[in-house]
Amino acid sequence: MARPGKLRRGRNTENQPVLAHCAYLEIHRLVTLRLTENEFDHISQGYDPVASRSGSIHSDCYLDARFLDVEREQVFHRTWQFVCHEEKLREPGSYVAGDVQGQSIFVARDSDGELRAFYNVCRHRGHELLSGEGQVSAITCPYHAWVYNLDGSLRRARRSELIENFCKADNRLTSIRVETFCHLIFVNLDTDAASLAQQSGDLGKEVLSYAPDLGNLTFAHRLTYRLKANWKAVVDNFLECYHCPVAHKDFVTLVEMDTYKVRTHGIYSSHMAKAGRSDNQAYAVEGASVTDHAVWYLWPNTTLMRYPGRGNFMVWRFIPVGPEETYEEFDFFFESTPPTDIEMEAIGFIDTVLQPEDINLVESVQRGMRTPAFNQGRYMVDPKGSGMSEHGVHHFHGLILDAYRRACEP
């Protein structure tokens, strides 16, 4: 995945690392950050478990770097983070390296076919071991040439026979959690975390019911963006379509808004509608085998999507760079690569129409939050759970507050 940088459109970046780089934290130096009860009360004042009588969380947590520090520890270092489609890690020796909010990691398939994940750190001096993605028979540190097996065990440390009490078994790579979920690879730095399948309930069943071909799709394209907005503002915007008839006039000709339903479940929400069954102003859908707008938000910063067209799937991530800056990465998986002309037309609609519309919205919201005129708003909630309702945003804010509450615990 490309490092956060200037806006890049329409690039096929298949050989880039897959997790955004953030050099904010030192590797493997997790320091517990705390919020006071007064800080928590300030952020959550007016929030109610019932969306129709609730106010939103306070704008300070979209502006103050202290809250992003807490989120890195209480949210991103404790949740399942997307790495890649399983196709990149099918063969023994294949690996993908990346970063989870300052923590360098890699995932590899060992010689026995087992999927493993580790901190990407040599046990000798802490140098990073791998970069990008590729194929190796062993892992050699580029600093002092310590060699590790793909199961994390130390194979050789040059000149270690000259020192006392050196034990290879004491110098294994430090493992992290890894899971294949719906043919997608996720990692979690929290060694005590429940599996993603367990945490997410029926999500896997839902995804595969709409995308039974997901395991056979291949990576075909990537879009990246850098936004001047807090990552939560970007997620807020994604989770409601109350703004769609106003701000996305082409999109609402693709999606049948009267069929749009939003449902919240634990750590995810689903956003479903019929789509692409008639002519529209967004992109061509002739001969489409997929006629659904099927979207899932997965806590905290991943979305899974299936749009009208040929067999397809998309993974979209919102990655904090700073308290008022977000890096977005949008991966497309199709039946074949390169994308067809019609698929490139759909990508072009997202890249040149839909995304610029949303970027303008969230950057304007971020500017508004800096003023004394706004610190909290209401959720416009439809009891029927339509796409015009903002109860998905309320659900997300509840998960954020749960994380902040953990930071108050002794």
Protein backbone atom coordinates (compact mmCIF):
# COMPACT_ATOMS: atom_id res chain seq x y z
CA MET A 1 0.00 0.00 0.00
CA ALA A 2 1.24 3.46 -0.81
CA ARG A 3 2.30 5.65 2.05
CA PRO A 4 0.03 8.58 2.84
CA GLY A 5 0.79 11.26 0.31
CA LYS A 6 -0.78 13.47 -2.27
CA LEU A 7 -3.99 12.46 -3.98
CA ARG A 8 -3.48 9.71 -6.50
CA ARG A 9 -6.23 8.61 -8.84
CA GLY A 10 -6.80 5.45 -10.84
CA ARG A 11 -3.47 3.82 -10.14
CA ASN A 12 -2.99 0.07 -10.12
CA THR A 13 -0.63 -0.37 -7.16
CA GLU A 14 -0.70 -4.12 -6.76
CA ASN A 15 2.89 -4.37 -5.54
CA GLN A 16 2.60 -1.77 -2.82
CA PRO A 17 2.50 -2.71 0.89
CA VAL A 18 -1.06 -3.01 2.15
CA LEU A 19 -1.26 -1.12 5.44
CA ALA A 20 -0.74 2.62 5.61
CA HIS A 21 2.48 3.78 7.21
CA CYS A 22 2.31 5.99 10.27
CA ALA A 23 5.63 6.69 11.96
CA TYR A 24 3.94 8.22 14.99
CA LEU A 25 4.60 5.45 17.51
CA GLU A 26 7.77 3.55 18.29
CA ILE A 27 7.63 -0.11 17.40
CA HIS A 28 6.48 -2.32 20.28
CA ARG A 29 6.40 0.58 22.78
CA LEU A 30 2.75 0.58 23.81
CA VAL A 31 2.14 3.08 26.61
CA THR A 32 -1.23 3.05 28.33
CA LEU A 33 -2.96 6.39 27.81
CA ARG A 34 -5.75 7.51 30.11
CA LEU A 35 -8.73 9.81 29.95
CA THR A 36 -10.13 11.35 33.10
CA GLU A 37 -13.78 10.89 34.04
CA ASN A 38 -14.27 14.62 33.43
CA GLU A 39 -12.86 14.29 29.90
CA PHE A 40 -15.12 11.34 29.16
CA ASP A 41 -18.18 13.15 30.55
CA HIS A 42 -17.36 16.18 28.40
CA ILE A 43 -17.13 14.14 25.19
CA SER A 44 -20.19 12.00 25.89
CA GLN A 45 -22.51 14.62 27.40
CA GLY A 46 -25.83 14.47 25.58
CA TYR A 47 -25.20 11.04 24.04
CA ASP A 48 -28.03 8.61 24.75
CA PRO A 49 -28.23 4.89 23.95
CA VAL A 50 -31.47 5.65 22.11
CA ALA A 51 -30.52 7.37 18.85
CA SER A 52 -33.76 9.36 18.50
CA ARG A 53 -33.13 11.26 21.72
CA SER A 54 -29.34 11.44 21.50
CA GLY A 55 -26.83 14.12 20.68
CA SER A 56 -23.60 13.25 18.88
CA ILE A 57 -20.19 13.01 20.50
CA HIS A 58 -18.39 16.31 21.13
CA SER A 59 -16.34 17.89 18.35
CA ASP A 60 -13.25 18.05 20.60
CA CYS A 61 -12.55 14.38 19.86
CA TYR A 62 -12.29 15.30 16.16
CA LEU A 63 -9.71 18.01 16.87
CA ASP A 64 -7.59 17.17 19.91
CA ALA A 65 -4.57 14.95 19.23
CA ARG A 66 -4.95 13.40 22.67
CA PHE A 67 -8.06 11.56 21.54
CA LEU A 68 -6.28 10.16 18.50
CA ASP A 69 -3.53 8.87 20.80
CA VAL A 70 -6.17 7.09 22.87
CA GLU A 71 -7.82 5.72 19.71
CA ARG A 72 -4.56 4.27 18.48
CA GLU A 73 -4.20 2.31 21.68
CA GLN A 74 -7.80 1.50 22.58
CA VAL A 75 -9.18 1.10 19.06
CA PHE A 76 -6.64 0.32 16.35
CA HIS A 77 -4.26 -1.79 18.44
CA ARG A 78 -7.19 -3.89 19.73
CA THR A 79 -9.24 -4.52 16.59
CA TRP A 80 -9.05 -6.63 13.46
CA GLN A 81 -7.31 -4.76 10.64
CA PHE A 82 -7.50 -5.74 6.98
CA VAL A 83 -4.26 -6.79 5.27
CA CYS A 84 -5.09 -8.29 1.85
CA HIS A 85 -7.10 -10.83 -0.10
CA GLU A 86 -6.00 -14.40 0.61
CA GLU A 87 -4.76 -14.72 -3.00
CA LYS A 88 -1.56 -12.89 -2.03
CA LEU A 89 -0.73 -15.41 0.68
CA ARG A 90 -1.72 -18.74 -0.85
CA GLU A 91 1.78 -20.09 -1.55
CA PRO A 92 4.35 -21.16 1.08
CA GLY A 93 6.91 -18.38 1.45
CA SER A 94 4.54 -15.60 0.37
CA TYR A 95 4.43 -12.57 2.65
CA VAL A 96 2.87 -9.13 2.97
CA ALA A 97 4.37 -6.47 5.26
CA GLY A 98 2.60 -3.41 6.55
CA ASP A 99 1.79 -1.21 9.50
CA VAL A 100 -1.00 -0.91 12.06
CA GLN A 101 -0.87 2.66 13.35
CA GLY A 102 2.86 2.75 14.02
CA GLN A 103 3.34 -0.97 14.62
CA SER A 104 5.30 -2.67 11.82
CA ILE A 105 3.96 -6.17 11.05
CA PHE A 106 4.03 -8.87 8.41
CA VAL A 107 1.94 -11.91 7.51
CA ALA A 108 3.46 -14.99 5.85
CA ARG A 109 2.57 -18.50 4.77
CA ASP A 110 5.13 -20.88 6.29
CA SER A 111 6.63 -23.96 4.66
CA ASP A 112 3.90 -26.16 6.18
CA GLY A 113 1.16 -23.98 4.71
CA GLU A 114 0.20 -22.32 8.00
CA LEU A 115 -0.64 -18.61 7.99
CA ARG A 116 1.39 -16.66 10.54
CA ALA A 117 1.81 -13.02 11.54
CA PHE A 118 4.53 -11.25 13.51
CA TYR A 119 5.82 -7.87 14.49
CA ASN A 120 8.19 -6.99 11.66
CA VAL A 121 11.14 -6.56 14.00
CA CYS A 122 14.47 -8.36 14.35
CA ARG A 123 15.15 -9.51 17.90
CA HIS A 124 18.76 -8.33 17.67
CA ARG A 125 18.53 -4.54 17.22
CA GLY A 126 14.93 -3.96 16.21
CA HIS A 127 15.51 -3.45 12.50
CA GLU A 128 12.51 -4.09 10.23
CA LEU A 129 12.83 -7.39 8.43
CA LEU A 130 10.57 -7.25 5.36
CA SER A 131 8.95 -4.61 3.18
CA GLY A 132 6.19 -4.68 0.61
CA GLU A 133 5.18 -8.15 -0.47
CA GLY A 134 6.88 -11.10 -2.13
CA GLN A 135 8.21 -14.62 -1.78
CA VAL A 136 11.00 -15.85 0.53
CA SER A 137 12.29 -19.19 1.76
CA ALA A 138 13.62 -17.59 4.96
CA ILE A 139 13.69 -14.12 6.51
CA THR A 140 17.09 -12.43 6.63
CA CYS A 141 17.49 -9.20 8.54
CA PRO A 142 19.09 -6.58 6.25
CA TYR A 143 21.07 -5.13 9.17
CA HIS A 144 23.14 -7.98 10.67
CA ALA A 145 21.82 -10.94 8.65
CA TRP A 146 20.07 -12.82 11.43
CA VAL A 147 17.98 -15.47 9.69
CA TYR A 148 14.50 -16.56 10.77
CA ASN A 149 12.34 -19.41 9.59
CA LEU A 150 8.86 -18.59 8.36
CA ASP A 151 7.40 -19.98 11.60
CA GLY A 152 9.23 -17.20 13.47
CA SER A 153 11.99 -19.34 14.94
CA LEU A 154 15.58 -18.14 14.75
CA ARG A 155 17.62 -20.22 12.31
CA ARG A 156 20.98 -18.49 12.58
CA ALA A 157 22.59 -15.53 14.35
CA ARG A 158 26.06 -14.73 13.00
CA ARG A 159 28.83 -15.21 15.58
CA SER A 160 26.40 -16.07 18.37
CA GLU A 161 28.60 -19.07 19.18
CA LEU A 162 31.14 -16.61 20.60
CA ILE A 163 28.89 -15.29 23.40
CA GLU A 164 27.59 -16.87 26.59
CA ASN A 165 24.05 -18.01 27.36
CA PHE A 166 22.68 -17.36 23.88
CA CYS A 167 19.54 -19.38 23.19
CA LYS A 168 17.83 -19.42 19.81
CA ALA A 169 14.51 -20.31 21.42
CA ASP A 170 14.61 -17.03 23.36
CA ASN A 171 14.85 -15.05 20.14
CA ARG A 172 11.74 -16.04 18.22
CA LEU A 173 9.84 -13.34 16.40
CA THR A 174 6.93 -11.93 18.38
CA SER A 175 3.65 -13.21 16.95
CA ILE A 176 0.35 -11.39 16.53
CA ARG A 177 -3.15 -12.68 15.77
CA VAL A 178 -4.06 -13.45 12.16
CA GLU A 179 -7.31 -14.72 10.66
CA THR A 180 -8.78 -15.52 7.27
CA PHE A 181 -12.31 -14.14 7.19
CA CYS A 182 -14.45 -14.35 4.04
CA HIS A 183 -11.26 -14.99 1.99
CA LEU A 184 -9.71 -11.78 3.40
CA ILE A 185 -6.72 -11.63 5.76
CA PHE A 186 -6.95 -9.63 8.99
CA VAL A 187 -4.52 -9.11 11.88
CA ASN A 188 -5.00 -8.03 15.48
CA LEU A 189 -2.28 -6.82 17.86
CA ASP A 190 -4.38 -7.80 20.88
CA THR A 191 -3.33 -11.35 21.72
CA ASP A 192 -6.42 -11.76 23.94
CA ALA A 193 -8.96 -10.64 21.33
CA ALA A 194 -11.75 -12.98 20.30
CA SER A 195 -11.65 -14.11 16.69
CA LEU A 196 -13.16 -11.84 14.06
CA ALA A 197 -15.65 -14.54 13.15
CA GLN A 198 -16.78 -14.70 16.78
CA GLN A 199 -16.91 -10.93 17.27
CA SER A 200 -18.79 -10.20 14.07
CA GLY A 201 -21.69 -12.63 14.45
CA ASP A 202 -23.51 -13.12 11.14
CA LEU A 203 -21.31 -10.77 9.10
CA GLY A 204 -19.41 -13.56 7.35
CA LYS A 205 -22.61 -15.33 6.40
CA GLU A 206 -24.07 -12.06 5.07
CA VAL A 207 -21.01 -11.17 3.00
CA LEU A 208 -20.74 -14.58 1.36
CA SER A 209 -24.46 -14.69 0.64
CA TYR A 210 -24.05 -11.55 -1.47
CA ALA A 211 -20.54 -12.33 -2.75
CA PRO A 212 -20.21 -16.14 -3.03
CA ASP A 213 -17.48 -15.63 -5.63
CA LEU A 214 -15.24 -13.58 -3.32
CA GLY A 215 -12.60 -16.29 -3.03
CA ASN A 216 -12.18 -16.39 -6.82
CA LEU A 217 -11.91 -12.64 -7.36
CA THR A 218 -8.53 -11.02 -7.93
CA PHE A 219 -7.00 -7.69 -6.98
CA ALA A 220 -7.40 -5.37 -9.94
CA HIS A 221 -7.11 -1.71 -8.92
CA ARG A 222 -6.48 0.71 -6.05
CA LEU A 223 -7.46 4.30 -5.39
CA THR A 224 -5.86 6.37 -2.62
CA TYR A 225 -6.74 9.74 -1.14
CA ARG A 226 -5.58 12.06 1.58
CA LEU A 227 -8.27 14.11 3.29
CA LYS A 228 -8.06 17.13 5.59
CA ALA A 229 -10.49 15.66 8.10
CA ASN A 230 -10.51 13.46 11.18
CA TRP A 231 -11.03 9.77 10.38
CA LYS A 232 -14.25 9.70 12.43
CA ALA A 233 -15.76 12.48 10.30
CA VAL A 234 -15.04 10.34 7.23
CA VAL A 235 -16.69 7.30 8.81
CA ASP A 236 -19.67 9.42 9.94
CA ASN A 237 -20.24 10.51 6.35
CA PHE A 238 -19.96 6.96 5.04
CA LEU A 239 -22.52 5.62 7.50
CA GLU A 240 -25.51 7.70 6.42
CA CYS A 241 -27.23 8.48 3.16
CA TYR A 242 -29.35 11.32 4.54
CA HIS A 243 -27.03 13.54 2.50
CA CYS A 244 -27.23 11.46 -0.69
CA PRO A 245 -30.23 13.11 -2.43
CA VAL A 246 -28.63 16.50 -1.74
CA ALA A 247 -24.95 15.83 -2.45
CA HIS A 248 -24.87 12.72 -4.69
CA LYS A 249 -27.43 13.31 -7.42
CA ASP A 250 -25.87 10.77 -9.82
CA PHE A 251 -25.47 8.10 -7.13
CA VAL A 252 -29.17 8.19 -6.23
CA THR A 253 -30.05 7.32 -9.84
CA LEU A 254 -27.97 4.12 -9.48
CA VAL A 255 -29.36 3.05 -6.10
CA GLU A 256 -33.07 2.53 -5.50
CA MET A 257 -33.35 4.67 -2.39
CA ASP A 258 -36.81 3.38 -1.47
CA THR A 259 -35.23 -0.08 -0.91
CA TYR A 260 -32.27 1.24 1.15
CA LYS A 261 -32.10 -0.25 4.67
CA VAL A 262 -29.49 0.21 7.42
CA ARG A 263 -29.14 -2.32 10.24
CA THR A 264 -26.66 -2.26 13.13
CA HIS A 265 -25.18 -5.40 14.72
CA GLY A 266 -22.46 -5.42 17.37
CA ILE A 267 -19.24 -4.38 15.60
CA TYR A 268 -20.74 -3.92 12.14
CA SER A 269 -23.62 -2.37 10.26
CA SER A 270 -25.17 -3.30 6.92
CA HIS A 271 -26.34 -0.84 4.25
CA MET A 272 -28.41 -2.58 1.58
CA ALA A 273 -30.40 -1.52 -1.47
CA LYS A 274 -31.37 -2.73 -4.89
CA ALA A 275 -29.32 -0.98 -7.56
CA GLY A 276 -28.20 -1.03 -11.17
CA ARG A 277 -31.45 -2.43 -12.55
CA SER A 278 -32.11 0.46 -14.94
CA ASP A 279 -30.36 3.27 -16.77
CA ASN A 280 -28.72 5.78 -14.48
CA GLN A 281 -26.41 8.79 -14.50
CA ALA A 282 -23.54 7.10 -12.62
CA TYR A 283 -22.13 4.37 -14.88
CA ALA A 284 -23.23 1.74 -17.39
CA VAL A 285 -24.79 -1.42 -15.95
CA GLU A 286 -25.76 -3.32 -19.10
CA GLY A 287 -25.53 -7.05 -18.55
CA ALA A 288 -24.86 -6.65 -14.81
CA SER A 289 -24.89 -9.93 -12.85
CA VAL A 290 -24.84 -7.99 -9.55
CA THR A 291 -27.89 -5.80 -8.96
CA ASP A 292 -27.37 -4.92 -5.32
CA HIS A 293 -25.70 -2.13 -3.41
CA ALA A 294 -24.41 -4.31 -0.56
CA VAL A 295 -22.21 -2.50 1.96
CA TRP A 296 -20.94 -3.43 5.41
CA TYR A 297 -19.12 -1.20 7.86
CA LEU A 298 -16.72 -3.19 10.07
CA TRP A 299 -15.49 -1.50 13.23
CA PRO A 300 -13.42 0.55 13.37
CA ASN A 301 -12.25 1.67 9.91
CA THR A 302 -13.01 -0.94 7.25
CA THR A 303 -15.87 -1.14 4.77
CA LEU A 304 -16.73 -4.10 2.56
CA MET A 305 -18.75 -3.46 -0.60
CA ARG A 306 -20.37 -5.06 -3.61
CA TYR A 307 -21.66 -2.67 -6.29
CA PRO A 308 -23.81 -3.25 -9.39
CA GLY A 309 -21.93 -4.74 -12.33
CA ARG A 310 -19.95 -7.90 -13.02
CA GLY A 311 -18.76 -10.00 -10.07
CA ASN A 312 -16.85 -7.59 -7.81
CA PHE A 313 -15.85 -6.69 -4.27
CA MET A 314 -14.27 -3.63 -2.70
CA VAL A 315 -12.45 -3.01 0.58
CA TRP A 316 -12.22 0.60 1.69
CA ARG A 317 -10.24 1.78 4.72
CA PHE A 318 -10.07 5.08 6.59
CA ILE A 319 -6.64 5.39 8.20
CA PRO A 320 -5.77 8.21 10.64
CA VAL A 321 -2.63 10.17 9.81
CA GLY A 322 -3.23 12.99 12.31
CA PRO A 323 -6.15 14.43 14.28
CA GLU A 324 -7.30 16.33 11.18
CA GLU A 325 -5.93 14.13 8.42
CA THR A 326 -7.06 10.79 7.00
CA TYR A 327 -5.59 8.48 4.38
CA GLU A 328 -8.10 6.43 2.38
CA GLU A 329 -7.29 3.25 0.51
CA PHE A 330 -9.84 1.67 -1.83
CA ASP A 331 -9.09 -1.80 -3.24
CA PHE A 332 -11.09 -3.32 -6.11
CA PHE A 333 -11.39 -7.07 -6.73
CA PHE A 334 -12.86 -8.29 -10.02
CA GLU A 335 -13.31 -11.52 -11.93
CA SER A 336 -10.21 -10.70 -13.97
CA THR A 337 -7.50 -8.09 -14.31
CA PRO A 338 -7.07 -5.56 -15.79
CA PRO A 339 -10.59 -4.21 -15.25
CA THR A 340 -12.89 -4.11 -18.26
CA ASP A 341 -13.86 -0.81 -19.85
CA ILE A 342 -17.20 -0.87 -18.04
CA GLU A 343 -15.44 -1.58 -14.72
CA MET A 344 -13.04 1.31 -15.36
CA GLU A 345 -16.08 3.49 -15.98
CA ALA A 346 -17.46 2.50 -12.56
CA ILE A 347 -14.06 3.16 -10.94
CA GLY A 348 -13.95 6.51 -12.72
CA PHE A 349 -17.38 7.43 -11.31
CA ILE A 350 -16.17 6.71 -7.78
CA ASP A 351 -12.87 8.50 -8.34
CA THR A 352 -13.95 11.62 -10.22
CA VAL A 353 -17.54 12.14 -9.04
CA LEU A 354 -18.51 10.36 -5.81
CA GLN A 355 -15.24 10.74 -3.90
CA PRO A 356 -14.71 14.45 -4.68
CA GLU A 357 -18.28 15.09 -3.52
CA ASP A 358 -17.67 13.28 -0.23
CA ILE A 359 -14.21 14.79 0.30
CA ASN A 360 -15.64 18.29 -0.04
CA LEU A 361 -18.33 17.43 2.51
CA VAL A 362 -16.10 16.00 5.22
CA GLU A 363 -13.42 18.66 4.84
CA SER A 364 -16.10 21.32 5.23
CA VAL A 365 -17.40 19.56 8.35
CA GLN A 366 -13.87 19.49 9.79
CA ARG A 367 -13.49 23.23 9.22
CA GLY A 368 -16.87 23.81 10.86
CA MET A 369 -15.83 21.82 13.93
CA ARG A 370 -12.95 24.22 14.49
CA THR A 371 -15.36 27.09 15.10
CA PRO A 372 -17.12 27.87 18.41
CA ALA A 373 -20.45 27.62 16.56
CA PHE A 374 -20.54 23.80 16.56
CA ASN A 375 -19.68 21.17 19.13
CA GLN A 376 -22.52 18.65 18.90
CA GLY A 377 -25.49 17.79 16.68
CA ARG A 378 -28.53 15.54 16.59
CA TYR A 379 -29.04 12.28 14.69
CA MET A 380 -31.85 12.34 12.13
CA VAL A 381 -33.36 8.91 12.79
CA ASP A 382 -35.98 7.06 10.79
CA PRO A 383 -37.75 4.42 12.95
CA LYS A 384 -38.03 2.23 9.83
CA GLY A 385 -34.22 2.12 9.44
CA SER A 386 -34.14 3.57 5.94
CA GLY A 387 -31.02 4.79 4.18
CA MET A 388 -32.09 8.32 5.10
CA SER A 389 -31.56 7.55 8.78
CA GLU A 390 -28.43 8.36 10.81
CA HIS A 391 -28.72 5.56 13.36
CA GLY A 392 -25.61 3.95 11.83
CA VAL A 393 -23.60 7.01 12.89
CA HIS A 394 -25.07 6.75 16.40
CA HIS A 395 -24.01 3.09 16.52
CA PHE A 396 -20.44 4.02 15.51
CA HIS A 397 -20.27 6.76 18.15
CA GLY A 398 -21.37 4.26 20.78
CA LEU A 399 -18.42 2.03 19.88
CA ILE A 400 -16.07 5.03 20.08
CA LEU A 401 -17.39 5.92 23.53
CA ASP A 402 -16.90 2.31 24.67
CA ALA A 403 -13.22 2.66 23.71
CA TYR A 404 -12.91 6.00 25.51
CA ARG A 405 -14.52 4.46 28.59
CA ARG A 406 -11.82 1.75 28.61
CA ALA A 407 -9.22 4.52 28.70
CA CYS A 408 -10.78 5.75 31.95
CA GLU A 409 -10.40 2.40 33.70
CA PRO A 410 -7.52 1.99 36.17
